[in-house]
Amino acid sequence: MTLKDKAFLYYKLFNSSFTGLSIGIIFTIYQPLEDTSIYSIGGMVLAAGMLVIAKFYNRLLNIDSFFKISLFVELIILLTLLIFLYLKYSPLSALLIYCGYQLTFIFGGYLVRAETLVAESKELLGKIDVNKQLGYLIGLGISFVFYKILELGYDISDSQIQIIILHYFLISLQILIIILLINSFKFKHHI
């Protein structure tokens, strides 16, 4: 398996735009979690999970594992979006989404390290970081415009309704991100 540089740059651009677009929704989605000790437990699980992953770097720091773990993380994010649309605002949906995000964060450090190894050149790493920041800025800008259009154009100012509407766009974007990720790798067929 090899990395297709140009396709991977598009993936990073759209992946970061998702982050910028969705950055503000978590606070509203997590509101039903009244027991704040959940965040302490989640933080401990996150730290322990990252420790376990770090112990296996010698086996995981390769392009095959990078692809599989990246795909796993993207699928978990898609699942959290679908859970929210199905369960709406509830303690169960908030807890499941929190657990899903914590699971993706466990792999965050690994993905950054592996990305550095997989990129193979300083020039590509620079372009990846530029695309990450551009995507994030684009996502934040779209988020601002999206909320203003709902508020001023459609008189929808309830943040919970806005976030439900946004989730339909996020699901479409996340599906595109998964397709872009898969397209970012050239698979070698073994005969």
Foldseek 3Di string as FASTA:
>chain_A
DAFQLVLVLVLLLLVLLLCLQCVPVLVVLLVQVPPPVVVVVLVVVLVVLLVVVVVCCVPQLDDVNLLVLVLVLLVLQLVLLVLCLVVPRHNVSSSSNSNSVSVSSSCVVVNVVSCVVRLPDPVSVVSSVVSSVNSNVNSNVVNVVQQCCCCVVVVDNPVSVSVSVVSVVSSVSSVVSSVSSVVRDDDDDDD
